[in-house]
Amino acid sequence: MQNPDLQTVFPFVEQLGFGAVAGFAAGFALKKVGKLVAIAVGLLFVIVQVLAYYGYISINWGTVQSSVDPMFTPSALGAAWKTVLSVLTYNLAFAAAFVPSFVLGLKRG
């Protein structure tokens, strides 16, 4: 068996390396931004509840729930997951390094 030429292998090594770095950075950043978004949403909910309690605003939670519920049906979540998978596996050599590094970045972030 003959060893492959460096020029043949280098594009795959380059994609794997960049995919690993990009995946870790994206996972790390997503976790940090996700924490900030969760804090902001939580504070917004508390502020809205305080305003509603003191009578400054009135919230129709039934309308809110009917607007949000369609986003969490199994078919909507399944379609979103298929889209995410198709995007992440578009360039397989890149995705092979990106996805595990992304998960590692989420854990370390």
PDB file of N, CA and C in Angstrom:
ATOM      1  N   MET A   1       0.843  -1.181   0.000  1.00  0.00           N
ATOM      2  CA  MET A   1       0.000   0.000   0.000  1.00  0.00           C
ATOM      3  C   MET A   1       0.892   1.250   0.000  1.00  0.00           C
ATOM      4  N   GLN A   2       0.577   2.157  -0.883  1.00  0.00           N
ATOM      5  CA  GLN A   2       1.382   3.359  -1.042  1.00  0.00           C
ATOM      6  C   GLN A   2       0.814   4.498  -0.184  1.00  0.00           C
ATOM      7  N   ASN A   3       1.699   5.262   0.438  1.00  0.00           N
ATOM      8  CA  ASN A   3       1.267   6.408   1.237  1.00  0.00           C
ATOM      9  C   ASN A   3       0.755   7.507   0.321  1.00  0.00           C
ATOM     10  N   PRO A   4      -0.320   8.207   0.733  1.00  0.00           N
ATOM     11  CA  PRO A   4      -0.841   9.280  -0.118  1.00  0.00           C
ATOM     12  C   PRO A   4       0.108  10.477  -0.145  1.00  0.00           C
ATOM     13  N   ASP A   5       0.076  11.177  -1.242  1.00  0.00           N
ATOM     14  CA  ASP A   5       0.890  12.380  -1.424  1.00  0.00           C
ATOM     15  C   ASP A   5       0.356  13.483  -0.519  1.00  0.00           C
ATOM     16  N   LEU A   6       1.245  14.331   0.009  1.00  0.00           N
ATOM     17  CA  LEU A   6       0.865  15.406   0.924  1.00  0.00           C
ATOM     18  C   LEU A   6      -0.110  16.377   0.260  1.00  0.00           C
ATOM     19  N   GLN A   7       0.059  16.640  -1.012  1.00  0.00           N
ATOM     20  CA  GLN A   7      -0.836  17.554  -1.721  1.00  0.00           C
ATOM     21  C   GLN A   7      -2.248  16.985  -1.827  1.00  0.00           C
ATOM     22  N   THR A   8      -2.371  15.680  -1.808  1.00  0.00           N
ATOM     23  CA  THR A   8      -3.682  15.038  -1.863  1.00  0.00           C
ATOM     24  C   THR A   8      -4.378  15.103  -0.511  1.00  0.00           C
ATOM     25  N   VAL A   9      -3.628  14.953   0.558  1.00  0.00           N
ATOM     26  CA  VAL A   9      -4.184  14.875   1.907  1.00  0.00           C
ATOM     27  C   VAL A   9      -4.376  16.260   2.536  1.00  0.00           C
ATOM     28  N   PHE A  10      -3.552  17.225   2.172  1.00  0.00           N
ATOM     29  CA  PHE A  10      -3.553  18.536   2.828  1.00  0.00           C
ATOM     30  C   PHE A  10      -4.916  19.226   2.847  1.00  0.00           C
ATOM     31  N   PRO A  11      -5.690  19.236   1.755  1.00  0.00           N
ATOM     32  CA  PRO A  11      -6.999  19.906   1.827  1.00  0.00           C
ATOM     33  C   PRO A  11      -7.910  19.307   2.911  1.00  0.00           C
ATOM     34  N   PHE A  12      -7.858  17.999   3.103  1.00  0.00           N
ATOM     35  CA  PHE A  12      -8.686  17.378   4.142  1.00  0.00           C
ATOM     36  C   PHE A  12      -8.179  17.734   5.537  1.00  0.00           C
ATOM     37  N   VAL A  13      -6.872  17.734   5.705  1.00  0.00           N
ATOM     38  CA  VAL A  13      -6.278  18.111   7.000  1.00  0.00           C
ATOM     39  C   VAL A  13      -6.607  19.566   7.313  1.00  0.00           C
ATOM     40  N   GLU A  14      -6.529  20.415   6.307  1.00  0.00           N
ATOM     41  CA  GLU A  14      -6.843  21.831   6.479  1.00  0.00           C
ATOM     42  C   GLU A  14      -8.307  22.014   6.897  1.00  0.00           C
ATOM     43  N   GLN A  15      -9.218  21.301   6.243  1.00  0.00           N
ATOM     44  CA  GLN A  15     -10.638  21.399   6.581  1.00  0.00           C
ATOM     45  C   GLN A  15     -10.905  20.852   7.983  1.00  0.00           C
ATOM     46  N   LEU A  16     -10.243  19.758   8.333  1.00  0.00           N
ATOM     47  CA  LEU A  16     -10.421  19.187   9.669  1.00  0.00           C
ATOM     48  C   LEU A  16      -9.918  20.153  10.740  1.00  0.00           C
ATOM     49  N   GLY A  17      -8.762  20.745  10.510  1.00  0.00           N
ATOM     50  CA  GLY A  17      -8.207  21.693  11.480  1.00  0.00           C
ATOM     51  C   GLY A  17      -9.074  22.922  11.639  1.00  0.00           C
ATOM     52  N   PHE A  18      -9.485  23.504  10.524  1.00  0.00           N
ATOM     53  CA  PHE A  18     -10.337  24.688  10.598  1.00  0.00           C
ATOM     54  C   PHE A  18     -11.692  24.333  11.196  1.00  0.00           C
ATOM     55  N   GLY A  19     -12.223  23.166  10.849  1.00  0.00           N
ATOM     56  CA  GLY A  19     -13.507  22.738  11.409  1.00  0.00           C
ATOM     57  C   GLY A  19     -13.446  22.580  12.913  1.00  0.00           C
ATOM     58  N   ALA A  20     -12.324  22.037  13.409  1.00  0.00           N
ATOM     59  CA  ALA A  20     -12.171  21.853  14.854  1.00  0.00           C
ATOM     60  C   ALA A  20     -12.100  23.199  15.570  1.00  0.00           C
ATOM     61  N   VAL A  21     -11.313  24.117  15.036  1.00  0.00           N
ATOM     62  CA  VAL A  21     -11.178  25.437  15.662  1.00  0.00           C
ATOM     63  C   VAL A  21     -12.503  26.200  15.593  1.00  0.00           C
ATOM     64  N   ALA A  22     -13.139  26.191  14.433  1.00  0.00           N
ATOM     65  CA  ALA A  22     -14.405  26.909  14.267  1.00  0.00           C
ATOM     66  C   ALA A  22     -15.499  26.293  15.134  1.00  0.00           C
ATOM     67  N   GLY A  23     -15.526  24.971  15.223  1.00  0.00           N
ATOM     68  CA  GLY A  23     -16.531  24.308  16.047  1.00  0.00           C
ATOM     69  C   GLY A  23     -16.385  24.644  17.517  1.00  0.00           C
ATOM     70  N   PHE A  24     -15.157  24.609  18.020  1.00  0.00           N
ATOM     71  CA  PHE A  24     -14.930  24.946  19.429  1.00  0.00           C
ATOM     72  C   PHE A  24     -15.315  26.399  19.704  1.00  0.00           C
ATOM     73  N   ALA A  25     -14.898  27.299  18.820  1.00  0.00           N
ATOM     74  CA  ALA A  25     -15.213  28.718  19.017  1.00  0.00           C
ATOM     75  C   ALA A  25     -16.720  28.963  18.973  1.00  0.00           C
ATOM     76  N   ALA A  26     -17.401  28.321  18.039  1.00  0.00           N
ATOM     77  CA  ALA A  26     -18.851  28.503  17.930  1.00  0.00           C
ATOM     78  C   ALA A  26     -19.568  27.944  19.153  1.00  0.00           C
ATOM     79  N   GLY A  27     -19.163  26.769  19.612  1.00  0.00           N
ATOM     80  CA  GLY A  27     -19.786  26.190  20.802  1.00  0.00           C
ATOM     81  C   GLY A  27     -19.538  27.018  22.037  1.00  0.00           C
ATOM     82  N   PHE A  28     -18.309  27.475  22.214  1.00  0.00           N
ATOM     83  CA  PHE A  28     -17.945  28.306  23.357  1.00  0.00           C
ATOM     84  C   PHE A  28     -18.758  29.603  23.357  1.00  0.00           C
ATOM     85  N   ALA A  29     -18.811  30.262  22.200  1.00  0.00           N
ATOM     86  CA  ALA A  29     -19.539  31.525  22.088  1.00  0.00           C
ATOM     87  C   ALA A  29     -21.036  31.322  22.281  1.00  0.00           C
ATOM     88  N   LEU A  30     -21.578  30.239  21.721  1.00  0.00           N
ATOM     89  CA  LEU A  30     -23.010  29.983  21.857  1.00  0.00           C
ATOM     90  C   LEU A  30     -23.398  29.788  23.312  1.00  0.00           C
ATOM     91  N   LYS A  31     -22.561  29.096  24.069  1.00  0.00           N
ATOM     92  CA  LYS A  31     -22.881  28.891  25.477  1.00  0.00           C
ATOM     93  C   LYS A  31     -22.844  30.212  26.237  1.00  0.00           C
ATOM     94  N   LYS A  32     -21.839  31.050  25.972  1.00  0.00           N
ATOM     95  CA  LYS A  32     -21.748  32.342  26.645  1.00  0.00           C
ATOM     96  C   LYS A  32     -22.933  33.238  26.269  1.00  0.00           C
ATOM     97  N   VAL A  33     -23.248  33.322  24.988  1.00  0.00           N
ATOM     98  CA  VAL A  33     -24.365  34.146  24.534  1.00  0.00           C
ATOM     99  C   VAL A  33     -25.680  33.569  25.045  1.00  0.00           C
ATOM    100  N   GLY A  34     -25.788  32.249  25.069  1.00  0.00           N
ATOM    101  CA  GLY A  34     -26.998  31.602  25.564  1.00  0.00           C
ATOM    102  C   GLY A  34     -27.277  31.946  27.017  1.00  0.00           C
ATOM    103  N   LYS A  35     -26.233  32.013  27.821  1.00  0.00           N
ATOM    104  CA  LYS A  35     -26.405  32.395  29.225  1.00  0.00           C
ATOM    105  C   LYS A  35     -26.932  33.819  29.329  1.00  0.00           C
ATOM    106  N   LEU A  36     -26.359  34.726  28.537  1.00  0.00           N
ATOM    107  CA  LEU A  36     -26.814  36.115  28.559  1.00  0.00           C
ATOM    108  C   LEU A  36     -28.261  36.235  28.089  1.00  0.00           C
ATOM    109  N   VAL A  37     -28.631  35.491  27.060  1.00  0.00           N
ATOM    110  CA  VAL A  37     -30.003  35.522  26.556  1.00  0.00           C
ATOM    111  C   VAL A  37     -30.962  34.973  27.610  1.00  0.00           C
ATOM    112  N   ALA A  38     -30.564  33.894  28.293  1.00  0.00           N
ATOM    113  CA  ALA A  38     -31.422  33.327  29.332  1.00  0.00           C
ATOM    114  C   ALA A  38     -31.629  34.324  30.468  1.00  0.00           C
ATOM    115  N   ILE A  39     -30.580  35.020  30.860  1.00  0.00           N
ATOM    116  CA  ILE A  39     -30.704  36.034  31.910  1.00  0.00           C
ATOM    117  C   ILE A  39     -31.620  37.164  31.450  1.00  0.00           C
ATOM    118  N   ALA A  40     -31.436  37.627  30.208  1.00  0.00           N
ATOM    119  CA  ALA A  40     -32.257  38.719  29.682  1.00  0.00           C
ATOM    120  C   ALA A  40     -33.729  38.320  29.600  1.00  0.00           C
ATOM    121  N   VAL A  41     -34.010  37.109  29.124  1.00  0.00           N
ATOM    122  CA  VAL A  41     -35.399  36.643  29.029  1.00  0.00           C
ATOM    123  C   VAL A  41     -36.005  36.503  30.419  1.00  0.00           C
ATOM    124  N   GLY A  42     -35.240  35.978  31.360  1.00  0.00           N
ATOM    125  CA  GLY A  42     -35.730  35.855  32.727  1.00  0.00           C
ATOM    126  C   GLY A  42     -36.043  37.207  33.348  1.00  0.00           C
ATOM    127  N   LEU A  43     -35.144  38.169  33.171  1.00  0.00           N
ATOM    128  CA  LEU A  43     -35.391  39.519  33.702  1.00  0.00           C
ATOM    129  C   LEU A  43     -36.589  40.179  33.031  1.00  0.00           C
ATOM    130  N   LEU A  44     -36.725  39.981  31.725  1.00  0.00           N
ATOM    131  CA  LEU A  44     -37.871  40.532  31.007  1.00  0.00           C
ATOM    132  C   LEU A  44     -39.178  39.958  31.560  1.00  0.00           C
ATOM    133  N   PHE A  45     -39.202  38.660  31.814  1.00  0.00           N
ATOM    134  CA  PHE A  45     -40.396  38.022  32.361  1.00  0.00           C
ATOM    135  C   PHE A  45     -40.727  38.592  33.740  1.00  0.00           C
ATOM    136  N   VAL A  46     -39.715  38.763  34.579  1.00  0.00           N
ATOM    137  CA  VAL A  46     -39.935  39.327  35.912  1.00  0.00           C
ATOM    138  C   VAL A  46     -40.482  40.752  35.808  1.00  0.00           C
ATOM    139  N   ILE A  47     -39.911  41.558  34.928  1.00  0.00           N
ATOM    140  CA  ILE A  47     -40.380  42.936  34.756  1.00  0.00           C
ATOM    141  C   ILE A  47     -41.827  42.966  34.280  1.00  0.00           C
ATOM    142  N   VAL A  48     -42.151  42.115  33.306  1.00  0.00           N
ATOM    143  CA  VAL A  48     -43.526  42.056  32.790  1.00  0.00           C
ATOM    144  C   VAL A  48     -44.482  41.621  33.901  1.00  0.00           C
ATOM    145  N   GLN A  49     -44.080  40.653  34.691  1.00  0.00           N
ATOM    146  CA  GLN A  49     -44.943  40.184  35.786  1.00  0.00           C
ATOM    147  C   GLN A  49     -45.151  41.284  36.833  1.00  0.00           C
ATOM    148  N   VAL A  50     -44.102  42.027  37.152  1.00  0.00           N
ATOM    149  CA  VAL A  50     -44.236  43.125  38.127  1.00  0.00           C
ATOM    150  C   VAL A  50     -45.183  44.196  37.582  1.00  0.00           C
ATOM    151  N   LEU A  51     -45.009  44.557  36.309  1.00  0.00           N
ATOM    152  CA  LEU A  51     -45.893  45.554  35.705  1.00  0.00           C
ATOM    153  C   LEU A  51     -47.342  45.071  35.675  1.00  0.00           C
ATOM    154  N   ALA A  52     -47.551  43.795  35.386  1.00  0.00           N
ATOM    155  CA  ALA A  52     -48.908  43.244  35.382  1.00  0.00           C
ATOM    156  C   ALA A  52     -49.483  43.207  36.799  1.00  0.00           C
ATOM    157  N   TYR A  53     -48.683  42.884  37.766  1.00  0.00           N
ATOM    158  CA  TYR A  53     -49.134  42.810  39.163  1.00  0.00           C
ATOM    159  C   TYR A  53     -49.630  44.170  39.650  1.00  0.00           C
ATOM    160  N   TYR A  54     -48.909  45.222  39.303  1.00  0.00           N
ATOM    161  CA  TYR A  54     -49.293  46.558  39.737  1.00  0.00           C
ATOM    162  C   TYR A  54     -50.307  47.229  38.807  1.00  0.00           C
ATOM    163  N   GLY A  55     -50.768  46.534  37.777  1.00  0.00           N
ATOM    164  CA  GLY A  55     -51.844  47.019  36.927  1.00  0.00           C
ATOM    165  C   GLY A  55     -51.433  47.951  35.809  1.00  0.00           C
ATOM    166  N   TYR A  56     -50.143  48.053  35.536  1.00  0.00           N
ATOM    167  CA  TYR A  56     -49.706  48.923  34.447  1.00  0.00           C
ATOM    168  C   TYR A  56     -49.970  48.308  33.085  1.00  0.00           C
ATOM    169  N   ILE A  57     -49.913  46.990  33.006  1.00  0.00           N
ATOM    170  CA  ILE A  57     -50.190  46.293  31.755  1.00  0.00           C
ATOM    171  C   ILE A  57     -51.089  45.096  32.037  1.00  0.00           C
ATOM    172  N   SER A  58     -51.732  44.624  30.982  1.00  0.00           N
ATOM    173  CA  SER A  58     -52.561  43.423  31.070  1.00  0.00           C
ATOM    174  C   SER A  58     -52.058  42.436  30.022  1.00  0.00           C
ATOM    175  N   ILE A  59     -51.845  41.181  30.423  1.00  0.00           N
ATOM    176  CA  ILE A  59     -51.283  40.174  29.523  1.00  0.00           C
ATOM    177  C   ILE A  59     -52.319  39.080  29.293  1.00  0.00           C
ATOM    178  N   ASN A  60     -52.574  38.805  28.028  1.00  0.00           N
ATOM    179  CA  ASN A  60     -53.463  37.700  27.676  1.00  0.00           C
ATOM    180  C   ASN A  60     -52.581  36.480  27.414  1.00  0.00           C
ATOM    181  N   TRP A  61     -52.334  35.679  28.447  1.00  0.00           N
ATOM    182  CA  TRP A  61     -51.423  34.546  28.338  1.00  0.00           C
ATOM    183  C   TRP A  61     -51.959  33.474  27.384  1.00  0.00           C
ATOM    184  N   GLY A  62     -53.261  33.402  27.211  1.00  0.00           N
ATOM    185  CA  GLY A  62     -53.832  32.456  26.246  1.00  0.00           C
ATOM    186  C   GLY A  62     -53.397  32.764  24.823  1.00  0.00           C
ATOM    187  N   THR A  63     -53.385  34.054  24.482  1.00  0.00           N
ATOM    188  CA  THR A  63     -52.929  34.472  23.157  1.00  0.00           C
ATOM    189  C   THR A  63     -51.432  34.213  22.993  1.00  0.00           C
ATOM    190  N   VAL A  64     -50.672  34.484  24.042  1.00  0.00           N
ATOM    191  CA  VAL A  64     -49.233  34.221  23.987  1.00  0.00           C
ATOM    192  C   VAL A  64     -48.989  32.733  23.759  1.00  0.00           C
ATOM    193  N   GLN A  65     -49.683  31.896  24.517  1.00  0.00           N
ATOM    194  CA  GLN A  65     -49.489  30.448  24.383  1.00  0.00           C
ATOM    195  C   GLN A  65     -49.913  29.948  23.008  1.00  0.00           C
ATOM    196  N   SER A  66     -51.019  30.454  22.477  1.00  0.00           N
ATOM    197  CA  SER A  66     -51.464  29.999  21.155  1.00  0.00           C
ATOM    198  C   SER A  66     -50.503  30.447  20.052  1.00  0.00           C
ATOM    199  N   SER A  67     -49.768  31.528  20.285  1.00  0.00           N
ATOM    200  CA  SER A  67     -48.778  31.972  19.301  1.00  0.00           C
ATOM    201  C   SER A  67     -47.497  31.146  19.362  1.00  0.00           C
ATOM    202  N   VAL A  68     -47.135  30.694  20.555  1.00  0.00           N
ATOM    203  CA  VAL A  68     -45.865  29.987  20.750  1.00  0.00           C
ATOM    204  C   VAL A  68     -46.003  28.478  20.535  1.00  0.00           C
ATOM    205  N   ASP A  69     -47.127  27.906  20.870  1.00  0.00           N
ATOM    206  CA  ASP A  69     -47.308  26.447  20.791  1.00  0.00           C
ATOM    207  C   ASP A  69     -46.973  25.832  19.438  1.00  0.00           C
ATOM    208  N   PRO A  70     -47.332  26.449  18.301  1.00  0.00           N
ATOM    209  CA  PRO A  70     -46.997  25.821  17.007  1.00  0.00           C
ATOM    210  C   PRO A  70     -45.499  25.634  16.774  1.00  0.00           C
ATOM    211  N   MET A  71     -44.671  26.425  17.454  1.00  0.00           N
ATOM    212  CA  MET A  71     -43.221  26.298  17.276  1.00  0.00           C
ATOM    213  C   MET A  71     -42.658  25.059  17.964  1.00  0.00           C
ATOM    214  N   PHE A  72     -43.417  24.486  18.876  1.00  0.00           N
ATOM    215  CA  PHE A  72     -42.916  23.353  19.655  1.00  0.00           C
ATOM    216  C   PHE A  72     -43.647  22.052  19.360  1.00  0.00           C
ATOM    217  N   THR A  73     -44.309  21.958  18.221  1.00  0.00           N
ATOM    218  CA  THR A  73     -44.926  20.696  17.829  1.00  0.00           C
ATOM    219  C   THR A  73     -43.833  19.745  17.349  1.00  0.00           C
ATOM    220  N   PRO A  74     -44.069  18.441  17.458  1.00  0.00           N
ATOM    221  CA  PRO A  74     -43.053  17.490  16.990  1.00  0.00           C
ATOM    222  C   PRO A  74     -42.654  17.698  15.532  1.00  0.00           C
ATOM    223  N   SER A  75     -43.599  18.054  14.679  1.00  0.00           N
ATOM    224  CA  SER A  75     -43.250  18.254  13.262  1.00  0.00           C
ATOM    225  C   SER A  75     -42.376  19.497  13.077  1.00  0.00           C
ATOM    226  N   ALA A  76     -42.662  20.572  13.802  1.00  0.00           N
ATOM    227  CA  ALA A  76     -41.847  21.787  13.684  1.00  0.00           C
ATOM    228  C   ALA A  76     -40.444  21.556  14.241  1.00  0.00           C
ATOM    229  N   LEU A  77     -40.346  20.873  15.369  1.00  0.00           N
ATOM    230  CA  LEU A  77     -39.035  20.583  15.945  1.00  0.00           C
ATOM    231  C   LEU A  77     -38.248  19.622  15.064  1.00  0.00           C
ATOM    232  N   GLY A  78     -38.941  18.629  14.484  1.00  0.00           N
ATOM    233  CA  GLY A  78     -38.284  17.688  13.576  1.00  0.00           C
ATOM    234  C   GLY A  78     -37.749  18.372  12.332  1.00  0.00           C
ATOM    235  N   ALA A  79     -38.525  19.306  11.784  1.00  0.00           N
ATOM    236  CA  ALA A  79     -38.074  20.046  10.601  1.00  0.00           C
ATOM    237  C   ALA A  79     -36.871  20.917  10.935  1.00  0.00           C
ATOM    238  N   ALA A  80     -36.893  21.547  12.093  1.00  0.00           N
ATOM    239  CA  ALA A  80     -35.755  22.384  12.500  1.00  0.00           C
ATOM    240  C   ALA A  80     -34.505  21.522  12.686  1.00  0.00           C
ATOM    241  N   TRP A  81     -34.663  20.335  13.285  1.00  0.00           N
ATOM    242  CA  TRP A  81     -33.522  19.447  13.504  1.00  0.00           C
ATOM    243  C   TRP A  81     -32.944  18.963  12.178  1.00  0.00           C
ATOM    244  N   LYS A  82     -33.801  18.631  11.217  1.00  0.00           N
ATOM    245  CA  LYS A  82     -33.320  18.199   9.895  1.00  0.00           C
ATOM    246  C   LYS A  82     -32.548  19.317   9.202  1.00  0.00           C
ATOM    247  N   THR A  83     -33.018  20.539   9.348  1.00  0.00           N
ATOM    248  CA  THR A  83     -32.321  21.675   8.753  1.00  0.00           C
ATOM    249  C   THR A  83     -30.950  21.858   9.381  1.00  0.00           C
ATOM    250  N   VAL A  84     -30.881  21.767  10.710  1.00  0.00           N
ATOM    251  CA  VAL A  84     -29.603  21.903  11.408  1.00  0.00           C
ATOM    252  C   VAL A  84     -28.634  20.816  10.950  1.00  0.00           C
ATOM    253  N   LEU A  85     -29.100  19.577  10.882  1.00  0.00           N
ATOM    254  CA  LEU A  85     -28.235  18.469  10.448  1.00  0.00           C
ATOM    255  C   LEU A  85     -27.755  18.657   9.017  1.00  0.00           C
ATOM    256  N   SER A  86     -28.626  19.109   8.136  1.00  0.00           N
ATOM    257  CA  SER A  86     -28.205  19.280   6.742  1.00  0.00           C
ATOM    258  C   SER A  86     -27.166  20.396   6.615  1.00  0.00           C
ATOM    259  N   VAL A  87     -27.298  21.439   7.427  1.00  0.00           N
ATOM    260  CA  VAL A  87     -26.309  22.524   7.394  1.00  0.00           C
ATOM    261  C   VAL A  87     -24.980  22.040   7.960  1.00  0.00           C
ATOM    262  N   LEU A  88     -25.021  21.328   9.085  1.00  0.00           N
ATOM    263  CA  LEU A  88     -23.790  20.901   9.737  1.00  0.00           C
ATOM    264  C   LEU A  88     -23.048  19.801   8.976  1.00  0.00           C
ATOM    265  N   THR A  89     -23.747  19.036   8.161  1.00  0.00           N
ATOM    266  CA  THR A  89     -23.096  17.958   7.427  1.00  0.00           C
ATOM    267  C   THR A  89     -22.920  18.277   5.950  1.00  0.00           C
ATOM    268  N   TYR A  90     -23.067  19.536   5.564  1.00  0.00           N
ATOM    269  CA  TYR A  90     -22.938  19.921   4.160  1.00  0.00           C
ATOM    270  C   TYR A  90     -21.544  19.593   3.623  1.00  0.00           C
ATOM    271  N   ASN A  91     -20.533  19.995   4.318  1.00  0.00           N
ATOM    272  CA  ASN A  91     -19.153  19.709   3.935  1.00  0.00           C
ATOM    273  C   ASN A  91     -18.646  18.681   4.944  1.00  0.00           C
ATOM    274  N   LEU A  92     -18.672  17.424   4.593  1.00  0.00           N
ATOM    275  CA  LEU A  92     -18.475  16.346   5.555  1.00  0.00           C
ATOM    276  C   LEU A  92     -17.126  16.393   6.261  1.00  0.00           C
ATOM    277  N   ALA A  93     -16.052  16.705   5.567  1.00  0.00           N
ATOM    278  CA  ALA A  93     -14.740  16.764   6.228  1.00  0.00           C
ATOM    279  C   ALA A  93     -14.729  17.862   7.281  1.00  0.00           C
ATOM    280  N   PHE A  94     -15.291  19.003   6.962  1.00  0.00           N
ATOM    281  CA  PHE A  94     -15.387  20.109   7.905  1.00  0.00           C
ATOM    282  C   PHE A  94     -16.303  19.729   9.062  1.00  0.00           C
ATOM    283  N   ALA A  95     -17.453  19.118   8.751  1.00  0.00           N
ATOM    284  CA  ALA A  95     -18.431  18.751   9.778  1.00  0.00           C
ATOM    285  C   ALA A  95     -17.892  17.676  10.715  1.00  0.00           C
ATOM    286  N   ALA A  96     -17.054  16.800  10.197  1.00  0.00           N
ATOM    287  CA  ALA A  96     -16.499  15.733  11.035  1.00  0.00           C
ATOM    288  C   ALA A  96     -15.666  16.299  12.167  1.00  0.00           C
ATOM    289  N   ALA A  97     -15.041  17.425  11.967  1.00  0.00           N
ATOM    290  CA  ALA A  97     -14.265  18.072  13.023  1.00  0.00           C
ATOM    291  C   ALA A  97     -15.095  19.125  13.752  1.00  0.00           C
ATOM    292  N   PHE A  98     -16.014  19.782  13.044  1.00  0.00           N
ATOM    293  CA  PHE A  98     -16.781  20.873  13.632  1.00  0.00           C
ATOM    294  C   PHE A  98     -17.712  20.384  14.733  1.00  0.00           C
ATOM    295  N   VAL A  99     -18.480  19.350  14.469  1.00  0.00           N
ATOM    296  CA  VAL A  99     -19.512  18.913  15.415  1.00  0.00           C
ATOM    297  C   VAL A  99     -18.916  18.463  16.759  1.00  0.00           C
ATOM    298  N   PRO A 100     -17.916  17.574  16.800  1.00  0.00           N
ATOM    299  CA  PRO A 100     -17.363  17.211  18.111  1.00  0.00           C
ATOM    300  C   PRO A 100     -16.700  18.398  18.816  1.00  0.00           C
ATOM    301  N   SER A 101     -16.050  19.264  18.073  1.00  0.00           N
ATOM    302  CA  SER A 101     -15.427  20.440  18.682  1.00  0.00           C
ATOM    303  C   SER A 101     -16.476  21.420  19.180  1.00  0.00           C
ATOM    304  N   PHE A 102     -17.586  21.514  18.476  1.00  0.00           N
ATOM    305  CA  PHE A 102     -18.701  22.358  18.910  1.00  0.00           C
ATOM    306  C   PHE A 102     -19.236  21.877  20.258  1.00  0.00           C
ATOM    307  N   VAL A 103     -19.422  20.568  20.381  1.00  0.00           N
ATOM    308  CA  VAL A 103     -19.896  19.996  21.649  1.00  0.00           C
ATOM    309  C   VAL A 103     -18.872  20.253  22.762  1.00  0.00           C
ATOM    310  N   LEU A 104     -17.598  20.096  22.453  1.00  0.00           N
ATOM    311  CA  LEU A 104     -16.542  20.379  23.434  1.00  0.00           C
ATOM    312  C   LEU A 104     -16.558  21.847  23.838  1.00  0.00           C
ATOM    313  N   GLY A 105     -16.768  22.742  22.886  1.00  0.00           N
ATOM    314  CA  GLY A 105     -16.856  24.164  23.188  1.00  0.00           C
ATOM    315  C   GLY A 105     -18.045  24.485  24.071  1.00  0.00           C
ATOM    316  N   LEU A 106     -19.172  23.787  23.837  1.00  0.00           N
ATOM    317  CA  LEU A 106     -20.349  23.987  24.701  1.00  0.00           C
ATOM    318  C   LEU A 106     -20.052  23.531  26.130  1.00  0.00           C
ATOM    319  N   LYS A 107     -19.330  22.429  26.261  1.00  0.00           N
ATOM    320  CA  LYS A 107     -19.011  21.929  27.603  1.00  0.00           C
ATOM    321  C   LYS A 107     -18.023  22.835  28.330  1.00  0.00           C
ATOM    322  N   ARG A 108     -17.056  23.394  27.604  1.00  0.00           N
ATOM    323  CA  ARG A 108     -16.007  24.207  28.230  1.00  0.00           C
ATOM    324  C   ARG A 108     -16.447  25.655  28.462  1.00  0.00           C
ATOM    325  N   GLY A 109     -17.436  26.107  27.690  1.00  0.00           N
ATOM    326  CA  GLY A 109     -17.832  27.512  27.725  1.00  0.00           C
ATOM    327  C   GLY A 109     -18.467  27.976  29.000  1.00  0.00           C
TER     328      GLY A 109
END
